[in-house]
Amino acid sequence: MGAPLWCVVPAAGSSTRLEGQVPKQYRMLAGRRVIEHSLAALLEHPSVQQVVVALAPADTLFPSLACAQDPRVLAVTGGRERCLSVLAGLRASGAAEQDWILVHDAARPCLQAAELRALVAACEQDEVGGLLALPLADTLKRQDAQGRVDQTLPRDGLWRALTPQMFRRGLLESALSAAIESGLLPGDEAAAVEAAGYSPRLVPGSPLNLKITYPEDLDFAQVVLQTGGRGLA
């Protein structure tokens, strides 16, 4: 068992790109809610001390889930933006300034144990911290106002950010606070740390670690969870 880990899971989103009234983190997937799979992947790591889940103010479903009864899980009220939810989670956590924080998307239910171990091993001795990410394999196109290709972009050196993202509590809290105060609403934690002048480490992740965004993502995640990802990556 390594250094203690503390987790924050922003889960206050409304899922505007997924059909239906139920937020994506609460869709049923392989017999459980999406968020239950996401939390289980964190709670199964032996070094995780606490998982703080930042919820929408009107959320009444989370308390009814079995995972909400785990003594290591703490629910708090999040914000309208991801960065505000993460900041609320950090401030409610029991983590000290130098403790490591893992921030994981509530709608990433397919995080593999080996992938999480690789992130922790790569970052626990790093001065800054880092994130799981994937090198881009597809050709990138920029569209114009008419929905046609305006430009083909080089993909060399480009990565797609995944989660968890791993930073020390003090650094992450100060970086998020500074970004918000300056009017920047960073899309992920690494962006806030970058804005503070640091360069997070990129740790290769799995293409199976998808974020539920569109209806077809649920179908693929179902297969991943049922097969353990064997033969898919």
Protein backbone atom coordinates (compact mmCIF):
# COMPACT_ATOMS: atom_id res chain seq x y z
CA MET A 1 0.00 0.00 0.00
CA GLY A 2 1.49 3.33 -1.08
CA ALA A 3 0.88 6.92 -0.05
CA PRO A 4 -2.74 7.74 0.83
CA LEU A 5 -4.96 8.88 -2.01
CA TRP A 6 -7.98 11.15 -1.83
CA CYS A 7 -10.54 11.37 -4.63
CA VAL A 8 -12.94 14.00 -5.91
CA VAL A 9 -15.70 13.06 -8.37
CA PRO A 10 -17.58 15.98 -9.97
CA ALA A 11 -21.12 14.73 -10.58
CA ALA A 12 -23.29 17.84 -10.88
CA GLY A 13 -23.66 17.81 -14.68
CA SER A 14 -26.98 17.74 -16.51
CA SER A 15 -25.94 15.66 -19.58
CA THR A 16 -27.23 17.94 -22.34
CA ARG A 17 -25.85 15.70 -25.13
CA LEU A 18 -27.47 12.50 -23.91
CA GLU A 19 -31.11 11.81 -24.70
CA GLY A 20 -33.65 11.60 -21.88
CA GLN A 21 -34.19 13.24 -18.51
CA VAL A 22 -31.85 11.10 -16.40
CA PRO A 23 -28.31 12.55 -16.10
CA LYS A 24 -25.70 10.28 -17.66
CA GLN A 25 -24.07 9.42 -14.34
CA TYR A 26 -27.35 7.79 -13.28
CA ARG A 27 -28.08 5.74 -16.41
CA MET A 28 -28.26 2.00 -15.84
CA LEU A 29 -25.24 0.08 -17.10
CA ALA A 30 -24.50 -3.62 -16.52
CA GLY A 31 -26.85 -3.77 -13.54
CA ARG A 32 -25.68 -0.60 -11.78
CA ARG A 33 -25.72 3.13 -12.28
CA VAL A 34 -22.83 4.60 -14.27
CA ILE A 35 -21.55 6.49 -11.22
CA GLU A 36 -21.50 3.30 -9.16
CA HIS A 37 -19.04 1.73 -11.60
CA SER A 38 -16.92 4.91 -11.58
CA LEU A 39 -16.74 5.02 -7.78
CA ALA A 40 -16.07 1.29 -7.48
CA ALA A 41 -12.95 1.62 -9.63
CA LEU A 42 -11.58 4.17 -7.14
CA LEU A 43 -12.71 2.46 -3.93
CA GLU A 44 -11.08 -0.81 -4.98
CA HIS A 45 -7.62 0.80 -4.87
CA PRO A 46 -6.08 -0.05 -1.47
CA SER A 47 -4.60 3.44 -0.92
CA VAL A 48 -7.84 5.39 -1.40
CA GLN A 49 -8.89 7.00 1.90
CA GLN A 50 -11.94 8.97 0.80
CA VAL A 51 -14.05 9.76 -2.26
CA VAL A 52 -15.84 13.13 -2.23
CA VAL A 53 -18.73 13.29 -4.71
CA ALA A 54 -19.87 16.79 -5.72
CA LEU A 55 -23.58 16.68 -6.59
CA ALA A 56 -26.14 19.04 -8.09
CA PRO A 57 -28.10 20.88 -5.37
CA ALA A 58 -31.35 19.11 -6.27
CA ASP A 59 -29.84 15.60 -6.49
CA THR A 60 -31.99 13.19 -4.49
CA LEU A 61 -30.90 9.95 -6.18
CA PHE A 62 -27.32 9.58 -5.00
CA PRO A 63 -28.19 9.00 -1.30
CA SER A 64 -30.26 5.96 -2.31
CA LEU A 65 -27.31 4.17 -3.94
CA ALA A 66 -25.38 1.48 -2.11
CA CYS A 67 -22.07 3.23 -2.76
CA ALA A 68 -23.32 6.31 -0.89
CA GLN A 69 -23.40 4.21 2.30
CA ASP A 70 -19.67 3.41 2.12
CA PRO A 71 -17.99 5.22 5.06
CA ARG A 72 -15.25 6.42 2.70
CA VAL A 73 -17.77 8.26 0.48
CA LEU A 74 -18.76 11.85 1.27
CA ALA A 75 -21.37 13.76 -0.75
CA VAL A 76 -21.21 17.56 -1.03
CA THR A 77 -22.97 20.18 -3.14
CA GLY A 78 -21.10 21.03 -6.33
CA GLY A 79 -21.29 24.02 -8.67
CA ARG A 80 -22.58 24.91 -12.11
CA GLU A 81 -19.11 24.35 -13.62
CA ARG A 82 -16.81 21.35 -13.25
CA CYS A 83 -14.04 23.44 -11.70
CA LEU A 84 -16.42 24.75 -9.01
CA SER A 85 -17.50 21.20 -8.15
CA VAL A 86 -13.91 20.02 -7.89
CA LEU A 87 -13.00 22.98 -5.69
CA ALA A 88 -15.96 22.24 -3.40
CA GLY A 89 -14.83 18.62 -3.18
CA LEU A 90 -11.27 19.57 -2.33
CA ARG A 91 -12.39 21.88 0.45
CA ALA A 92 -14.64 19.22 1.95
CA SER A 93 -12.04 16.46 1.80
CA GLY A 94 -9.83 15.35 4.64
CA ALA A 95 -6.71 15.63 2.49
CA ALA A 96 -3.69 17.59 3.72
CA GLU A 97 -1.84 20.10 1.52
CA GLN A 98 0.70 17.53 0.29
CA ASP A 99 -1.71 14.62 -0.11
CA TRP A 100 -2.43 13.32 -3.58
CA ILE A 101 -5.85 13.99 -5.08
CA LEU A 102 -7.37 11.90 -7.87
CA VAL A 103 -10.13 13.68 -9.81
CA HIS A 104 -12.25 11.26 -11.82
CA ASP A 105 -15.28 11.84 -14.03
CA ALA A 106 -18.51 10.39 -12.69
CA ALA A 107 -19.35 9.31 -16.25
CA ARG A 108 -16.17 7.24 -16.82
CA PRO A 109 -17.31 3.81 -15.64
CA CYS A 110 -14.67 1.68 -17.40
CA LEU A 111 -11.50 2.71 -15.57
CA GLN A 112 -9.31 -0.38 -15.23
CA ALA A 113 -7.37 -1.22 -12.06
CA ALA A 114 -4.10 -1.57 -14.02
CA GLU A 115 -4.63 1.84 -15.60
CA LEU A 116 -5.15 3.46 -12.19
CA ARG A 117 -2.07 1.73 -10.79
CA ALA A 118 0.00 3.00 -13.74
CA LEU A 119 -1.11 6.58 -13.11
CA VAL A 120 -0.28 6.42 -9.42
CA ALA A 121 3.11 4.79 -10.06
CA ALA A 122 4.02 7.42 -12.66
CA CYS A 123 2.95 10.42 -10.60
CA GLU A 124 3.55 9.66 -6.93
CA GLN A 125 7.20 10.78 -7.15
CA ASP A 126 6.56 13.55 -9.68
CA GLU A 127 6.98 17.17 -8.61
CA VAL A 128 3.78 18.26 -10.38
CA GLY A 129 1.49 15.27 -10.97
CA GLY A 130 -0.23 14.24 -14.16
CA LEU A 131 -3.15 12.66 -15.94
CA LEU A 132 -4.18 9.66 -17.96
CA ALA A 133 -4.29 10.54 -21.65
CA LEU A 134 -4.31 9.01 -25.13
CA PRO A 135 -2.20 10.07 -28.13
CA LEU A 136 -4.54 11.15 -30.92
CA ALA A 137 -4.75 8.61 -33.73
CA ASP A 138 -7.34 10.24 -35.99
CA THR A 139 -6.82 12.96 -38.56
CA LEU A 140 -8.16 16.27 -37.24
CA LYS A 141 -10.36 18.61 -39.25
CA ARG A 142 -11.43 22.17 -38.44
CA GLN A 143 -14.85 23.11 -39.82
CA ASP A 144 -15.97 26.42 -41.28
CA ALA A 145 -19.26 28.27 -40.74
CA GLN A 146 -20.94 26.13 -43.42
CA GLY A 147 -19.99 22.83 -41.81
CA ARG A 148 -17.26 22.07 -44.37
CA VAL A 149 -13.60 21.35 -43.83
CA ASP A 150 -11.68 24.56 -43.33
CA GLN A 151 -8.32 23.06 -42.37
CA THR A 152 -6.59 19.75 -41.63
CA LEU A 153 -4.61 19.97 -38.41
CA PRO A 154 -1.41 18.07 -37.59
CA ARG A 155 -1.95 15.60 -34.74
CA ASP A 156 1.73 15.17 -33.82
CA GLY A 157 2.20 15.58 -30.09
CA LEU A 158 -1.55 15.89 -29.40
CA TRP A 159 -3.18 13.84 -26.66
CA ARG A 160 -6.78 13.38 -25.51
CA ALA A 161 -7.16 14.00 -21.79
CA LEU A 162 -8.78 11.26 -19.68
CA THR A 163 -9.29 10.86 -15.96
CA PRO A 164 -8.27 10.35 -13.24
CA GLN A 165 -6.00 13.37 -13.03
CA MET A 166 -3.61 13.36 -10.08
CA PHE A 167 -2.23 16.41 -8.26
CA ARG A 168 -1.37 17.39 -4.72
CA ARG A 169 -4.26 19.00 -2.89
CA GLY A 170 -2.49 22.32 -2.19
CA LEU A 171 -1.30 22.82 -5.76
CA LEU A 172 -4.64 21.87 -7.29
CA GLU A 173 -6.71 24.01 -4.94
CA SER A 174 -4.55 27.10 -5.49
CA ALA A 175 -4.46 26.56 -9.26
CA LEU A 176 -8.24 26.18 -9.51
CA SER A 177 -8.85 29.19 -7.25
CA ALA A 178 -6.48 31.38 -9.27
CA ALA A 179 -8.03 30.30 -12.56
CA ILE A 180 -11.56 31.03 -11.37
CA GLU A 181 -10.58 34.40 -9.92
CA SER A 182 -9.02 35.37 -13.27
CA GLY A 183 -12.22 34.49 -15.12
CA LEU A 184 -10.91 31.23 -16.56
CA LEU A 185 -13.15 28.18 -16.17
CA PRO A 186 -10.73 25.32 -16.94
CA GLY A 187 -12.21 22.28 -18.65
CA ASP A 188 -10.10 19.94 -16.56
CA GLU A 189 -7.71 20.05 -13.63
CA ALA A 190 -4.60 19.85 -15.78
CA ALA A 191 -5.63 23.06 -17.56
CA ALA A 192 -5.73 24.91 -14.24
CA VAL A 193 -2.33 23.53 -13.25
CA GLU A 194 -0.94 24.52 -16.66
CA ALA A 195 -2.31 28.06 -16.22
CA ALA A 196 -0.41 28.22 -12.93
CA GLY A 197 2.84 27.61 -14.82
CA TYR A 198 3.33 23.86 -14.40
CA SER A 199 3.62 21.00 -16.90
CA PRO A 200 1.66 17.90 -15.85
CA ARG A 201 2.95 14.46 -16.79
CA LEU A 202 1.09 12.57 -19.53
CA VAL A 203 0.50 8.93 -18.59
CA PRO A 204 -0.75 6.64 -21.39
CA GLY A 205 -4.26 5.42 -20.62
CA SER A 206 -6.65 2.97 -22.23
CA PRO A 207 -9.03 3.73 -25.11
CA LEU A 208 -11.61 1.74 -23.12
CA ASN A 209 -11.65 4.46 -20.46
CA LEU A 210 -14.43 6.29 -22.27
CA LYS A 211 -16.63 9.08 -20.98
CA ILE A 212 -20.37 8.53 -21.43
CA THR A 213 -21.49 11.38 -23.67
CA TYR A 214 -23.73 9.96 -26.40
CA PRO A 215 -26.29 7.09 -26.29
CA GLU A 216 -24.00 4.72 -28.19
CA ASP A 217 -21.35 5.15 -25.50
CA LEU A 218 -23.59 3.23 -23.12
CA ASP A 219 -23.67 0.27 -25.52
CA PHE A 220 -19.88 0.15 -25.81
CA ALA A 221 -19.37 0.59 -22.06
CA GLN A 222 -21.76 -2.32 -21.47
CA VAL A 223 -19.53 -4.56 -23.58
CA VAL A 224 -16.38 -3.34 -21.84
CA LEU A 225 -17.80 -4.03 -18.39
CA GLN A 226 -19.20 -7.44 -19.35
CA THR A 227 -15.96 -8.63 -20.94
CA GLY A 228 -13.47 -6.81 -18.75
CA GLY A 229 -12.20 -5.22 -21.95
CA ARG A 230 -10.65 -8.43 -23.20
CA GLY A 231 -9.97 -8.28 -26.91
CA LEU A 232 -11.30 -4.71 -27.26
CA ALA A 233 -8.27 -2.44 -26.72
